[in-house]
Amino acid sequence: MPHIHSEENQHDMTVTAYIVRIDTPEPKALVHMHKKLGRLLPVGGHVELLETPWQAVGHELEEESGYELEQLKVIQPKSRLKHMTRTVQHPYPISMNTHDIPGNHFHTDIEYGFIADSNPELSIGDDESLDLRWLTQAELNALDNSLLFDNTKEVYNFLFDEALPNWERVDTSDFVLDFPDEYRG
């Protein structure tokens, strides 16, 4: 599907899934070689017109990594608002930011942290990068900025150093994908 906003100075809403694998001797971060940018990035993509950010991260995970939401835990702060009346509460992001894309275009990105303890169950989409890499924190930090953006390292370092030891690991099924009919109107 084409991007919703394609004019100069417009903003697209995007989602990113920072995945850390914990069933290895040392935790490892998932990155893949982005076909257009030629850099290593976490899994992610655009929020499409008829989906929520949580739905978008679910379909991007499946397409780009082979993981289904149900296979992962989402990292959440221990102190957080967990329920609101007549609303669907989404997971808290690890980060939310706006960054520029070449061509005077912007992405406002909602970034979620996930924990994996197994291999993905699905195959990666046909049009997606098959160059997936699991890197330790030291390997990630050793990469040059020409291969991995500093802000990607910063989010992964936050996950390794702060979120993994201090935040909760919550079942992704605790968060609803669709807006219930009884909440409408």
C-alpha atoms as a PDB file:
ATOM      1  CA  MET A   1       0.000   0.000   0.000  1.00  0.00           C
ATOM      2  CA  PRO A   2       1.390   3.469  -0.821  1.00  0.00           C
ATOM      3  CA  HIS A   3       2.269   5.840   1.974  1.00  0.00           C
ATOM      4  CA  ILE A   4      -0.592   7.982   3.227  1.00  0.00           C
ATOM      5  CA  HIS A   5       1.472  11.171   3.148  1.00  0.00           C
ATOM      6  CA  SER A   6       3.834  11.631   0.211  1.00  0.00           C
ATOM      7  CA  GLU A   7       4.194  15.398  -0.085  1.00  0.00           C
ATOM      8  CA  GLU A   8       7.116  17.431   1.227  1.00  0.00           C
ATOM      9  CA  ASN A   9       7.027  18.227   4.981  1.00  0.00           C
ATOM     10  CA  GLN A  10       4.244  15.712   5.683  1.00  0.00           C
ATOM     11  CA  HIS A  11       4.379  13.179   8.528  1.00  0.00           C
ATOM     12  CA  ASP A  12       3.648   9.468   8.398  1.00  0.00           C
ATOM     13  CA  MET A  13       2.860   7.465  11.535  1.00  0.00           C
ATOM     14  CA  THR A  14       5.172   4.452  11.805  1.00  0.00           C
ATOM     15  CA  VAL A  15       5.816   1.659  14.303  1.00  0.00           C
ATOM     16  CA  THR A  16       9.007  -0.143  15.238  1.00  0.00           C
ATOM     17  CA  ALA A  17       9.476  -3.442  17.082  1.00  0.00           C
ATOM     18  CA  TYR A  18      12.695  -3.695  19.078  1.00  0.00           C
ATOM     19  CA  ILE A  19      13.022  -7.436  19.762  1.00  0.00           C
ATOM     20  CA  VAL A  20      15.458  -8.939  22.269  1.00  0.00           C
ATOM     21  CA  ARG A  21      15.980 -12.686  22.301  1.00  0.00           C
ATOM     22  CA  ILE A  22      16.593 -14.091  25.785  1.00  0.00           C
ATOM     23  CA  ASP A  23      16.952 -17.845  25.148  1.00  0.00           C
ATOM     24  CA  THR A  24      20.616 -17.442  24.196  1.00  0.00           C
ATOM     25  CA  PRO A  25      23.637 -17.338  26.542  1.00  0.00           C
ATOM     26  CA  GLU A  26      23.629 -13.540  26.145  1.00  0.00           C
ATOM     27  CA  PRO A  27      20.566 -11.466  25.129  1.00  0.00           C
ATOM     28  CA  LYS A  28      20.555 -10.503  21.447  1.00  0.00           C
ATOM     29  CA  ALA A  29      18.838  -7.756  19.471  1.00  0.00           C
ATOM     30  CA  LEU A  30      17.147  -8.327  16.109  1.00  0.00           C
ATOM     31  CA  VAL A  31      17.942  -6.084  13.153  1.00  0.00           C
ATOM     32  CA  HIS A  32      17.498  -6.582   9.425  1.00  0.00           C
ATOM     33  CA  MET A  33      19.124  -4.991   6.383  1.00  0.00           C
ATOM     34  CA  HIS A  34      16.638  -2.444   5.047  1.00  0.00           C
ATOM     35  CA  LYS A  35      16.406  -2.862   1.272  1.00  0.00           C
ATOM     36  CA  LYS A  36      16.023   0.837   0.411  1.00  0.00           C
ATOM     37  CA  LEU A  37      18.326   2.387   3.026  1.00  0.00           C
ATOM     38  CA  GLY A  38      21.083  -0.248   3.016  1.00  0.00           C
ATOM     39  CA  ARG A  39      21.307  -0.034   6.830  1.00  0.00           C
ATOM     40  CA  LEU A  40      20.441  -2.336   9.667  1.00  0.00           C
ATOM     41  CA  LEU A  41      17.124  -1.427  11.301  1.00  0.00           C
ATOM     42  CA  PRO A  42      14.690  -3.035  13.700  1.00  0.00           C
ATOM     43  CA  VAL A  43      11.452  -4.446  12.291  1.00  0.00           C
ATOM     44  CA  GLY A  44       8.791  -1.843  11.518  1.00  0.00           C
ATOM     45  CA  GLY A  45       6.778   0.111   9.018  1.00  0.00           C
ATOM     46  CA  HIS A  46       3.891   2.447   8.311  1.00  0.00           C
ATOM     47  CA  VAL A  47       0.570   2.534  10.128  1.00  0.00           C
ATOM     48  CA  GLU A  48      -1.958   2.064   7.348  1.00  0.00           C
ATOM     49  CA  LEU A  49      -5.151   4.073   7.004  1.00  0.00           C
ATOM     50  CA  LEU A  50      -7.501   1.531   8.616  1.00  0.00           C
ATOM     51  CA  GLU A  51      -5.318   0.226  11.456  1.00  0.00           C
ATOM     52  CA  THR A  52      -4.147   1.175  14.917  1.00  0.00           C
ATOM     53  CA  PRO A  53      -0.428   1.315  15.762  1.00  0.00           C
ATOM     54  CA  TRP A  54      -0.812  -1.976  17.684  1.00  0.00           C
ATOM     55  CA  GLN A  55      -2.352  -3.652  14.615  1.00  0.00           C
ATOM     56  CA  ALA A  56       0.446  -2.215  12.461  1.00  0.00           C
ATOM     57  CA  VAL A  57       3.199  -3.574  14.690  1.00  0.00           C
ATOM     58  CA  GLY A  58       1.477  -6.979  14.565  1.00  0.00           C
ATOM     59  CA  HIS A  59       1.469  -7.147  10.776  1.00  0.00           C
ATOM     60  CA  GLU A  60       5.009  -5.709  10.465  1.00  0.00           C
ATOM     61  CA  LEU A  61       6.317  -8.339  12.904  1.00  0.00           C
ATOM     62  CA  GLU A  62       4.809 -11.131  10.834  1.00  0.00           C
ATOM     63  CA  GLU A  63       5.959  -9.743   7.461  1.00  0.00           C
ATOM     64  CA  GLU A  64       9.510  -8.734   8.422  1.00  0.00           C
ATOM     65  CA  SER A  65      10.532 -11.151  11.188  1.00  0.00           C
ATOM     66  CA  GLY A  66       8.176 -14.137  11.025  1.00  0.00           C
ATOM     67  CA  TYR A  67       7.072 -13.566  14.625  1.00  0.00           C
ATOM     68  CA  GLU A  68       3.421 -13.468  15.585  1.00  0.00           C
ATOM     69  CA  LEU A  69       2.461 -11.153  18.439  1.00  0.00           C
ATOM     70  CA  GLU A  70       1.421 -14.197  20.493  1.00  0.00           C
ATOM     71  CA  GLN A  71       5.013 -15.500  20.440  1.00  0.00           C
ATOM     72  CA  LEU A  72       6.358 -12.390  22.139  1.00  0.00           C
ATOM     73  CA  LYS A  73       6.107 -10.529  25.424  1.00  0.00           C
ATOM     74  CA  VAL A  74       5.843  -6.752  25.321  1.00  0.00           C
ATOM     75  CA  ILE A  75       7.991  -4.794  27.792  1.00  0.00           C
ATOM     76  CA  GLN A  76       5.897  -2.422  29.950  1.00  0.00           C
ATOM     77  CA  PRO A  77       6.700  -0.046  32.810  1.00  0.00           C
ATOM     78  CA  LYS A  78       5.513  -1.440  36.138  1.00  0.00           C
ATOM     79  CA  SER A  79       3.620   1.725  36.959  1.00  0.00           C
ATOM     80  CA  ARG A  80       1.216   2.520  34.150  1.00  0.00           C
ATOM     81  CA  LEU A  81      -2.441   3.162  33.418  1.00  0.00           C
ATOM     82  CA  LYS A  82      -3.810  -0.296  32.647  1.00  0.00           C
ATOM     83  CA  HIS A  83      -7.509   0.370  32.036  1.00  0.00           C
ATOM     84  CA  MET A  84      -9.731   3.212  30.870  1.00  0.00           C
ATOM     85  CA  THR A  85     -13.505   3.140  30.461  1.00  0.00           C
ATOM     86  CA  ARG A  86     -14.771   2.527  26.904  1.00  0.00           C
ATOM     87  CA  THR A  87     -11.301   2.652  25.387  1.00  0.00           C
ATOM     88  CA  VAL A  88      -8.840   0.115  24.085  1.00  0.00           C
ATOM     89  CA  GLN A  89      -5.628   0.552  26.034  1.00  0.00           C
ATOM     90  CA  HIS A  90      -2.505  -0.027  23.944  1.00  0.00           C
ATOM     91  CA  PRO A  91       0.938  -0.962  25.276  1.00  0.00           C
ATOM     92  CA  TYR A  92       3.217   1.833  26.375  1.00  0.00           C
ATOM     93  CA  PRO A  93       5.997   2.410  23.855  1.00  0.00           C
ATOM     94  CA  ILE A  94       9.682   2.315  24.739  1.00  0.00           C
ATOM     95  CA  SER A  95      10.003   5.572  22.801  1.00  0.00           C
ATOM     96  CA  MET A  96       7.968   7.839  20.564  1.00  0.00           C
ATOM     97  CA  ASN A  97       9.762  10.276  18.309  1.00  0.00           C
ATOM     98  CA  THR A  98       9.731  12.147  15.029  1.00  0.00           C
ATOM     99  CA  HIS A  99      12.679  11.897  12.662  1.00  0.00           C
ATOM    100  CA  ASP A 100      13.397  13.088   9.158  1.00  0.00           C
ATOM    101  CA  ILE A 101      13.543  10.862   6.116  1.00  0.00           C
ATOM    102  CA  PRO A 102      15.554  11.933   3.069  1.00  0.00           C
ATOM    103  CA  GLY A 103      13.431  14.134   0.814  1.00  0.00           C
ATOM    104  CA  ASN A 104      12.087  16.477   3.509  1.00  0.00           C
ATOM    105  CA  HIS A 105       9.593  13.933   4.850  1.00  0.00           C
ATOM    106  CA  PHE A 106       9.025  12.866   8.447  1.00  0.00           C
ATOM    107  CA  HIS A 107       8.091   9.749  10.382  1.00  0.00           C
ATOM    108  CA  THR A 108       6.477   9.927  13.799  1.00  0.00           C
ATOM    109  CA  ASP A 109       7.471   6.552  15.194  1.00  0.00           C
ATOM    110  CA  ILE A 110       5.949   4.562  18.057  1.00  0.00           C
ATOM    111  CA  GLU A 111       8.611   2.133  19.250  1.00  0.00           C
ATOM    112  CA  TYR A 112       7.707  -0.996  21.241  1.00  0.00           C
ATOM    113  CA  GLY A 113      10.027  -3.346  23.119  1.00  0.00           C
ATOM    114  CA  PHE A 114       9.519  -7.106  22.822  1.00  0.00           C
ATOM    115  CA  ILE A 115      11.029 -10.257  24.318  1.00  0.00           C
ATOM    116  CA  ALA A 116      11.420 -13.464  22.295  1.00  0.00           C
ATOM    117  CA  ASP A 117      12.393 -16.850  23.681  1.00  0.00           C
ATOM    118  CA  SER A 118      12.016 -18.970  20.543  1.00  0.00           C
ATOM    119  CA  ASN A 119      12.400 -18.942  16.777  1.00  0.00           C
ATOM    120  CA  PRO A 120       9.674 -17.248  14.716  1.00  0.00           C
ATOM    121  CA  GLU A 121       6.855 -19.545  13.593  1.00  0.00           C
ATOM    122  CA  LEU A 122       6.123 -17.879  10.235  1.00  0.00           C
ATOM    123  CA  SER A 123       8.127 -17.303   7.078  1.00  0.00           C
ATOM    124  CA  ILE A 124       9.251 -13.793   6.231  1.00  0.00           C
ATOM    125  CA  GLY A 125       7.257 -12.040   3.493  1.00  0.00           C
ATOM    126  CA  ASP A 126       8.424 -12.466  -0.101  1.00  0.00           C
ATOM    127  CA  ASP A 127       9.228  -8.759  -0.567  1.00  0.00           C
ATOM    128  CA  GLU A 128      11.054  -8.403   2.765  1.00  0.00           C
ATOM    129  CA  SER A 129      14.749  -8.502   3.637  1.00  0.00           C
ATOM    130  CA  LEU A 130      16.012 -11.972   4.439  1.00  0.00           C
ATOM    131  CA  ASP A 131      19.181 -10.531   6.003  1.00  0.00           C
ATOM    132  CA  LEU A 132      18.168 -10.786   9.670  1.00  0.00           C
ATOM    133  CA  ARG A 133      20.848 -10.563  12.336  1.00  0.00           C
ATOM    134  CA  TRP A 134      20.793 -11.297  16.067  1.00  0.00           C
ATOM    135  CA  LEU A 135      23.453  -9.153  17.744  1.00  0.00           C
ATOM    136  CA  THR A 136      24.643  -8.883  21.323  1.00  0.00           C
ATOM    137  CA  GLN A 137      24.715  -5.438  22.908  1.00  0.00           C
ATOM    138  CA  ALA A 138      28.493  -5.242  22.387  1.00  0.00           C
ATOM    139  CA  GLU A 139      28.190  -6.268  18.719  1.00  0.00           C
ATOM    140  CA  LEU A 140      25.428  -3.700  18.188  1.00  0.00           C
ATOM    141  CA  ASN A 141      27.460  -0.912  19.772  1.00  0.00           C
ATOM    142  CA  ALA A 142      30.548  -1.820  17.739  1.00  0.00           C
ATOM    143  CA  LEU A 143      28.748  -1.141  14.444  1.00  0.00           C
ATOM    144  CA  ASP A 144      29.565   2.087  12.622  1.00  0.00           C
ATOM    145  CA  ASN A 145      26.843   4.717  12.107  1.00  0.00           C
ATOM    146  CA  SER A 146      27.007   4.060   8.362  1.00  0.00           C
ATOM    147  CA  LEU A 147      25.539   0.588   9.060  1.00  0.00           C
ATOM    148  CA  LEU A 148      23.318   1.238  12.102  1.00  0.00           C
ATOM    149  CA  PHE A 149      21.825   4.569  13.186  1.00  0.00           C
ATOM    150  CA  ASP A 150      22.902   5.868  16.600  1.00  0.00           C
ATOM    151  CA  ASN A 151      19.258   6.263  17.669  1.00  0.00           C
ATOM    152  CA  THR A 152      18.691   2.536  17.052  1.00  0.00           C
ATOM    153  CA  LYS A 153      21.641   1.773  19.332  1.00  0.00           C
ATOM    154  CA  GLU A 154      20.269   4.165  21.947  1.00  0.00           C
ATOM    155  CA  VAL A 155      16.862   2.464  22.069  1.00  0.00           C
ATOM    156  CA  TYR A 156      18.402  -1.013  22.190  1.00  0.00           C
ATOM    157  CA  ASN A 157      20.820   0.115  24.940  1.00  0.00           C
ATOM    158  CA  PHE A 158      17.844   1.415  26.936  1.00  0.00           C
ATOM    159  CA  LEU A 159      16.136  -1.943  26.473  1.00  0.00           C
ATOM    160  CA  PHE A 160      19.215  -3.907  27.562  1.00  0.00           C
ATOM    161  CA  ASP A 161      20.215  -1.646  30.470  1.00  0.00           C
ATOM    162  CA  GLU A 162      16.918  -0.319  31.865  1.00  0.00           C
ATOM    163  CA  ALA A 163      13.799  -1.987  30.490  1.00  0.00           C
ATOM    164  CA  LEU A 164      14.862  -5.650  30.622  1.00  0.00           C
ATOM    165  CA  PRO A 165      15.862  -5.572  34.298  1.00  0.00           C
ATOM    166  CA  ASN A 166      13.176  -3.142  35.525  1.00  0.00           C
ATOM    167  CA  TRP A 167      10.034  -3.346  33.367  1.00  0.00           C
ATOM    168  CA  GLU A 168       7.392  -6.064  33.251  1.00  0.00           C
ATOM    169  CA  ARG A 169       7.104  -8.703  30.538  1.00  0.00           C
ATOM    170  CA  VAL A 170       3.435  -8.705  29.575  1.00  0.00           C
ATOM    171  CA  ASP A 171       1.552 -11.111  27.322  1.00  0.00           C
ATOM    172  CA  THR A 172       0.733  -9.411  24.034  1.00  0.00           C
ATOM    173  CA  SER A 173      -2.733 -10.983  24.251  1.00  0.00           C
ATOM    174  CA  ASP A 174      -3.475  -8.570  27.123  1.00  0.00           C
ATOM    175  CA  PHE A 175      -3.912  -5.893  24.456  1.00  0.00           C
ATOM    176  CA  VAL A 176      -6.902  -5.902  22.105  1.00  0.00           C
ATOM    177  CA  LEU A 177      -6.317  -5.501  18.368  1.00  0.00           C
ATOM    178  CA  ASP A 178      -9.839  -4.459  17.339  1.00  0.00           C
ATOM    179  CA  PHE A 179     -12.135  -1.787  18.743  1.00  0.00           C
ATOM    180  CA  PRO A 180     -15.081  -3.641  20.364  1.00  0.00           C
ATOM    181  CA  ASP A 181     -18.572  -2.893  19.053  1.00  0.00           C
ATOM    182  CA  GLU A 182     -19.842  -2.276  22.589  1.00  0.00           C
ATOM    183  CA  TYR A 183     -17.490   0.742  22.878  1.00  0.00           C
ATOM    184  CA  ARG A 184     -18.938   2.458  19.792  1.00  0.00           C
ATOM    185  CA  GLY A 185     -21.463   5.261  19.899  1.00  0.00           C
END
